Amino acid sequence: MALNIKAWIISFRLRTLPLALSGIFMGSILAAEAGSFKWPVFIWALLTALFLQILSNLANDYGDALSGADNEERQGPRRMIQGGVITLKQMKRAVIVTATLALISGMVLIFVSLKGRQLAALAFFILGLLTITAAIRYTVGRNPYGYRGFGDFYVFLFFGLMGVGGTFFLHAGMWEWPVLLPASAVGFFSTGVLNLNNIRDIESDKKSGKKTLPVMMGRKPAAFYHLSLLVMGWIAFILWLIIFHDGNVGVWLPLIVLPVFVLNAISAFRFGAPSSKLDSQLRNLSLGTLFLVIFYGTGSLFIIC
């Protein structure tokens, strides 16, 4: 598994990691606003999220290689199994190792945040197992849900609601319903990254039988769907700012990254451009989401201090 370090780094898909960071950062910032931030929770939540994201990426490579979705007609970056650099056996072993690391890290996270609260700890342990299973089952197994158009729902759920809301709960030890607004914003933007990825791969996915939403709805409707995801994300986020931060000018700092989202939405409507041109927009949307969260935290925590 360590024969080619560069190949493994490529397989980890480092450019997708900002999305994993975004949910943890947002949940932790919300906890800090509530006076409940805890460094051990933040560190272990961050580590667990990174393991889960890498697990998802490796399992995706493994599943797509088995199904034939990764082939010569695919427009995105060349996968390491597809190029013969990493074998299926090596990738399967990497999936098992990463899943184990995610499980161990998640158990430590539960221990440091919910020690003495057995029911809540059990609930989060079950959620953790479901998250690991979902990361693997996206493209692996007899009926992977990513091949039936359900990937978007799970990304919204795990990156948005669970990523942000779960992190907040682990810090604060309680739930507050308004957290759903910023959690939904991160969820919508994360789903947008997946949708843009699926738009890029629409032709190869059609031929391999991978039924993503862009494959089922068509290229043009997929572009409008992408626009709706970004718009709904910003609506949720701005509602959060208006309702719960009235008069706090600093929290509007994230508007700096709005042009990144506008250009990203426009890119989905360039129907005549090669699909490979969307690669840079995947990175831009992922980083744009992360910087939106960072700028929000900067403005919010400045006010608190």
Protein backbone atom coordinates (compact mmCIF):
# COMPACT_ATOMS: atom_id res chain seq x y z
CA MET A 1 0.00 0.00 0.00
CA ALA A 2 3.02 2.26 0.46
CA LEU A 3 4.68 1.35 -2.83
CA ASN A 4 3.76 4.64 -4.50
CA ILE A 5 3.21 7.53 -2.09
CA LYS A 6 2.31 10.00 -4.84
CA ALA A 7 -0.35 7.64 -6.20
CA TRP A 8 -1.94 7.29 -2.78
CA ILE A 9 -1.91 11.05 -2.19
CA ILE A 10 -3.71 11.47 -5.53
CA SER A 11 -6.23 8.80 -4.52
CA PHE A 12 -6.90 10.63 -1.25
CA ARG A 13 -8.17 13.55 -3.43
CA LEU A 14 -6.89 16.29 -1.16
CA ARG A 15 -8.93 18.92 -2.98
CA THR A 16 -12.12 17.37 -1.54
CA LEU A 17 -10.93 17.70 2.06
CA PRO A 18 -12.02 21.36 2.48
CA LEU A 19 -15.63 20.12 2.48
CA ALA A 20 -14.89 17.81 5.40
CA LEU A 21 -13.27 20.73 7.22
CA SER A 22 -16.17 23.10 6.49
CA GLY A 23 -18.75 21.17 8.48
CA ILE A 24 -16.49 20.72 11.51
CA PHE A 25 -15.40 24.36 11.43
CA MET A 26 -18.98 25.64 11.17
CA GLY A 27 -20.26 23.40 13.97
CA SER A 28 -17.34 24.43 16.17
CA ILE A 29 -17.84 28.14 15.45
CA LEU A 30 -21.51 27.84 16.40
CA ALA A 31 -20.46 26.11 19.62
CA ALA A 32 -17.99 28.92 20.35
CA GLU A 33 -20.80 31.45 19.86
CA ALA A 34 -22.79 29.49 22.45
CA GLY A 35 -19.81 29.44 24.82
CA SER A 36 -19.41 25.66 24.52
CA PHE A 37 -16.28 25.19 22.37
CA LYS A 38 -13.95 22.36 23.48
CA TRP A 39 -10.53 21.81 21.89
CA PRO A 40 -10.48 17.99 22.30
CA VAL A 41 -13.84 17.76 20.54
CA PHE A 42 -12.65 20.01 17.72
CA ILE A 43 -9.41 18.07 17.15
CA TRP A 44 -10.99 14.61 17.20
CA ALA A 45 -13.99 15.71 15.12
CA LEU A 46 -11.61 17.14 12.54
CA LEU A 47 -9.51 13.98 12.44
CA THR A 48 -12.60 11.76 12.17
CA ALA A 49 -14.05 13.86 9.35
CA LEU A 50 -10.78 13.69 7.39
CA PHE A 51 -10.63 9.89 7.76
CA LEU A 52 -14.25 9.61 6.62
CA GLN A 53 -13.65 11.83 3.58
CA ILE A 54 -10.57 9.88 2.55
CA LEU A 55 -12.47 6.62 3.11
CA SER A 56 -15.25 7.87 0.84
CA ASN A 57 -12.74 8.81 -1.87
CA LEU A 58 -10.91 5.48 -1.75
CA ALA A 59 -14.15 3.47 -1.69
CA ASN A 60 -15.41 5.54 -4.62
CA ASP A 61 -12.30 4.65 -6.65
CA TYR A 62 -12.67 0.99 -5.72
CA GLY A 63 -16.38 0.81 -6.55
CA ASP A 64 -16.10 2.72 -9.83
CA ALA A 65 -13.22 0.50 -10.92
CA LEU A 66 -15.28 -2.63 -10.22
CA SER A 67 -18.32 -1.32 -12.07
CA GLY A 68 -16.41 0.09 -15.03
CA ALA A 69 -17.51 3.68 -14.36
CA ASP A 70 -13.84 4.70 -14.42
CA ASN A 71 -12.89 4.15 -18.05
CA GLU A 72 -11.02 5.83 -20.89
CA GLU A 73 -13.97 8.14 -21.68
CA ARG A 74 -14.11 9.62 -18.20
CA GLN A 75 -13.38 13.38 -18.23
CA GLY A 76 -11.96 13.88 -14.74
CA PRO A 77 -8.49 13.23 -13.33
CA ARG A 78 -7.19 9.75 -14.10
CA ARG A 79 -7.75 7.33 -11.23
CA MET A 80 -4.87 5.23 -9.97
CA ILE A 81 -6.64 1.88 -10.40
CA GLN A 82 -7.70 2.92 -13.87
CA GLY A 83 -4.06 3.71 -14.68
CA GLY A 84 -2.80 0.42 -13.26
CA VAL A 85 -0.72 2.15 -10.57
CA ILE A 86 -2.76 0.73 -7.66
CA THR A 87 -4.40 -2.70 -7.76
CA LEU A 88 -7.93 -3.50 -6.68
CA LYS A 89 -6.56 -5.63 -3.85
CA GLN A 90 -4.41 -2.77 -2.57
CA MET A 91 -7.32 -0.33 -2.76
CA LYS A 92 -9.62 -2.72 -0.89
CA ARG A 93 -7.01 -3.04 1.84
CA ALA A 94 -6.72 0.75 2.02
CA VAL A 95 -10.49 1.05 2.39
CA ILE A 96 -10.45 -1.39 5.33
CA VAL A 97 -7.54 0.40 7.02
CA THR A 98 -9.12 3.84 6.60
CA ALA A 99 -12.51 2.62 7.83
CA THR A 100 -10.81 1.21 10.93
CA LEU A 101 -9.02 4.51 11.58
CA ALA A 102 -12.29 6.42 11.17
CA LEU A 103 -14.00 4.07 13.63
CA ILE A 104 -11.24 4.40 16.24
CA SER A 105 -11.08 8.18 15.87
CA GLY A 106 -14.87 8.42 16.09
CA MET A 107 -14.94 6.34 19.27
CA VAL A 108 -12.35 8.61 20.89
CA LEU A 109 -14.43 11.62 19.80
CA ILE A 110 -17.53 10.15 21.43
CA PHE A 111 -15.59 9.39 24.61
CA VAL A 112 -14.11 12.90 25.02
CA SER A 113 -17.40 14.65 24.25
CA LEU A 114 -20.11 12.42 25.71
CA LYS A 115 -18.39 10.72 28.63
CA GLY A 116 -21.01 9.75 31.18
CA ARG A 117 -23.94 10.18 28.76
CA GLN A 118 -24.51 6.59 27.70
CA LEU A 119 -27.65 7.09 25.61
CA ALA A 120 -26.23 9.97 23.59
CA ALA A 121 -22.93 8.10 23.18
CA LEU A 122 -24.77 5.03 21.87
CA ALA A 123 -26.76 7.16 19.43
CA PHE A 124 -23.60 8.78 18.05
CA PHE A 125 -21.84 5.42 17.84
CA ILE A 126 -24.69 4.09 15.69
CA LEU A 127 -24.60 7.27 13.57
CA GLY A 128 -20.85 6.79 13.17
CA LEU A 129 -21.32 3.22 11.94
CA LEU A 130 -23.98 4.42 9.50
CA THR A 131 -21.64 7.16 8.25
CA ILE A 132 -18.81 4.69 7.63
CA THR A 133 -21.22 2.34 5.87
CA ALA A 134 -22.57 5.19 3.73
CA ALA A 135 -19.04 6.26 2.76
CA ILE A 136 -18.33 2.75 1.48
CA ARG A 137 -21.73 1.94 0.00
CA TYR A 138 -21.77 5.01 -2.25
CA THR A 139 -20.23 2.98 -5.08
CA VAL A 140 -19.46 -0.40 -3.47
CA GLY A 141 -21.79 -3.38 -3.15
CA ARG A 142 -24.62 -4.93 -5.14
CA ASN A 143 -26.84 -1.83 -5.13
CA PRO A 144 -24.64 1.20 -4.41
CA TYR A 145 -26.86 4.20 -3.70
CA GLY A 146 -24.59 6.52 -5.69
CA TYR A 147 -25.61 4.61 -8.83
CA ARG A 148 -29.31 5.20 -8.13
CA GLY A 149 -29.36 8.97 -7.67
CA PHE A 150 -29.32 9.02 -3.87
CA GLY A 151 -25.80 10.43 -3.49
CA ASP A 152 -27.04 14.01 -3.25
CA PHE A 153 -29.32 13.25 -0.31
CA TYR A 154 -26.57 11.52 1.64
CA VAL A 155 -24.04 14.29 0.97
CA PHE A 156 -26.54 16.89 2.23
CA LEU A 157 -27.26 14.76 5.29
CA PHE A 158 -23.71 13.78 6.28
CA PHE A 159 -21.76 16.89 5.22
CA GLY A 160 -24.44 19.38 6.23
CA LEU A 161 -26.89 18.33 8.91
CA MET A 162 -24.73 15.74 10.64
CA GLY A 163 -21.38 17.43 9.98
CA VAL A 164 -22.42 20.81 11.34
CA GLY A 165 -25.24 19.83 13.68
CA GLY A 166 -23.44 16.78 15.05
CA THR A 167 -20.28 18.77 15.75
CA PHE A 168 -22.29 21.45 17.52
CA PHE A 169 -24.01 18.85 19.71
CA LEU A 170 -20.72 17.15 20.63
CA HIS A 171 -19.34 20.52 21.78
CA ALA A 172 -22.44 21.85 23.51
CA GLY A 173 -24.09 18.64 24.72
CA MET A 174 -27.44 19.98 23.55
CA TRP A 175 -29.36 20.76 20.39
CA GLU A 176 -30.61 24.10 19.07
CA TRP A 177 -32.93 24.09 16.05
CA PRO A 178 -31.58 27.33 14.48
CA VAL A 179 -28.35 25.40 13.78
CA LEU A 180 -30.25 23.79 10.89
CA LEU A 181 -29.86 26.99 8.84
CA PRO A 182 -26.04 27.12 8.64
CA ALA A 183 -25.97 23.30 8.54
CA SER A 184 -28.28 23.35 5.51
CA ALA A 185 -26.10 25.99 3.83
CA VAL A 186 -23.01 23.79 4.11
CA GLY A 187 -25.10 20.80 3.01
CA PHE A 188 -26.38 22.54 -0.12
CA PHE A 189 -22.91 23.72 -1.14
CA SER A 190 -21.42 20.27 -0.54
CA THR A 191 -24.17 18.72 -2.66
CA GLY A 192 -23.29 21.26 -5.34
CA VAL A 193 -19.74 19.90 -5.45
CA LEU A 194 -21.08 16.38 -6.01
CA ASN A 195 -23.53 17.59 -8.65
CA LEU A 196 -20.81 19.43 -10.56
CA ASN A 197 -18.68 16.28 -10.42
CA ASN A 198 -21.59 14.26 -11.81
CA ILE A 199 -22.22 16.82 -14.57
CA ARG A 200 -18.58 16.45 -15.60
CA ASP A 201 -18.90 12.66 -15.74
CA ILE A 202 -22.37 12.54 -17.26
CA GLU A 203 -21.39 10.84 -20.54
CA SER A 204 -19.16 8.15 -19.06
CA ASP A 205 -21.69 7.54 -16.27
CA LYS A 206 -24.44 6.98 -18.85
CA LYS A 207 -22.39 4.33 -20.63
CA SER A 208 -21.41 2.54 -17.44
CA GLY A 209 -24.97 2.50 -16.06
CA LYS A 210 -24.25 4.87 -13.16
CA LYS A 211 -27.55 6.71 -12.67
CA THR A 212 -26.64 9.98 -11.03
CA LEU A 213 -29.16 12.83 -10.96
CA PRO A 214 -27.55 14.59 -13.99
CA VAL A 215 -27.77 11.31 -15.93
CA MET A 216 -31.46 10.92 -15.04
CA MET A 217 -32.53 14.55 -15.54
CA GLY A 218 -30.23 15.59 -18.41
CA ARG A 219 -27.45 18.14 -18.81
CA LYS A 220 -29.52 21.34 -18.91
CA PRO A 221 -31.83 20.53 -15.97
CA ALA A 222 -28.72 19.50 -14.01
CA ALA A 223 -27.33 23.02 -14.53
CA PHE A 224 -30.53 24.59 -13.15
CA TYR A 225 -30.44 22.10 -10.28
CA HIS A 226 -26.88 23.21 -9.55
CA LEU A 227 -27.97 26.85 -9.54
CA SER A 228 -30.82 26.01 -7.14
CA LEU A 229 -28.41 24.29 -4.72
CA LEU A 230 -26.18 27.36 -4.54
CA VAL A 231 -29.12 29.75 -4.24
CA MET A 232 -30.76 27.69 -1.46
CA GLY A 233 -27.44 27.51 0.36
CA TRP A 234 -27.05 31.27 0.32
CA ILE A 235 -30.70 31.83 1.30
CA ALA A 236 -30.28 29.54 4.32
CA PHE A 237 -27.05 31.25 5.31
CA ILE A 238 -28.36 34.81 4.89
CA LEU A 239 -31.52 33.96 6.84
CA TRP A 240 -29.25 32.75 9.66
CA LEU A 241 -27.39 36.06 9.60
CA ILE A 242 -30.52 38.22 9.47
CA ILE A 243 -32.54 36.38 12.12
CA PHE A 244 -29.82 35.59 14.65
CA HIS A 245 -27.13 38.23 14.07
CA ASP A 246 -29.13 41.42 13.67
CA GLY A 247 -26.80 44.39 13.86
CA ASN A 248 -23.56 42.38 13.88
CA VAL A 249 -21.88 43.73 10.76
CA GLY A 250 -18.83 41.47 11.09
CA VAL A 251 -20.75 38.28 10.29
CA TRP A 252 -21.42 39.59 6.76
CA LEU A 253 -17.74 39.16 5.93
CA PRO A 254 -18.50 35.90 4.00
CA LEU A 255 -20.08 37.98 1.23
CA ILE A 256 -16.49 38.40 0.01
CA VAL A 257 -16.66 34.89 -1.50
CA LEU A 258 -20.06 35.37 -3.20
CA PRO A 259 -18.41 36.01 -6.63
CA VAL A 260 -16.82 32.54 -6.42
CA PHE A 261 -20.29 31.00 -6.17
CA VAL A 262 -21.67 33.19 -8.96
CA LEU A 263 -18.89 32.12 -11.33
CA ASN A 264 -19.39 28.52 -10.25
CA ALA A 265 -23.09 28.67 -11.12
CA ILE A 266 -22.29 30.21 -14.51
CA SER A 267 -19.81 27.42 -15.27
CA ALA A 268 -22.60 24.82 -15.09
CA PHE A 269 -24.41 26.59 -17.96
CA ARG A 270 -21.48 26.48 -20.40
CA PHE A 271 -22.99 23.60 -22.33
CA GLY A 272 -20.57 23.74 -25.24
CA ALA A 273 -17.40 23.64 -23.11
CA PRO A 274 -15.56 20.34 -22.53
CA SER A 275 -16.70 18.64 -19.34
CA SER A 276 -13.10 18.53 -18.12
CA LYS A 277 -13.26 22.33 -17.73
CA LEU A 278 -15.45 21.79 -14.66
CA ASP A 279 -12.51 20.31 -12.73
CA SER A 280 -11.25 23.68 -11.51
CA GLN A 281 -14.79 24.67 -10.49
CA LEU A 282 -15.03 21.62 -8.23
CA ARG A 283 -12.01 22.91 -6.33
CA ASN A 284 -13.32 26.48 -6.34
CA LEU A 285 -16.69 25.52 -4.84
CA SER A 286 -15.07 23.33 -2.21
CA LEU A 287 -12.63 26.08 -1.19
CA GLY A 288 -15.34 28.74 -1.48
CA THR A 289 -17.44 26.86 1.06
CA LEU A 290 -14.48 26.55 3.42
CA PHE A 291 -13.59 30.25 3.18
CA LEU A 292 -17.24 31.26 3.67
CA VAL A 293 -17.14 29.38 6.98
CA ILE A 294 -13.73 30.83 7.93
CA PHE A 295 -14.82 34.40 7.18
CA TYR A 296 -18.04 33.88 9.12
CA GLY A 297 -16.04 32.59 12.09
CA THR A 298 -13.61 35.49 11.84
CA GLY A 299 -16.42 38.07 11.95
CA SER A 300 -18.45 36.23 14.56
CA LEU A 301 -15.63 35.44 16.99
CA PHE A 302 -14.22 38.97 16.64
CA ILE A 303 -17.56 40.24 17.95
CA ILE A 304 -17.50 37.71 20.81
CA CYS A 305 -13.98 38.74 21.83
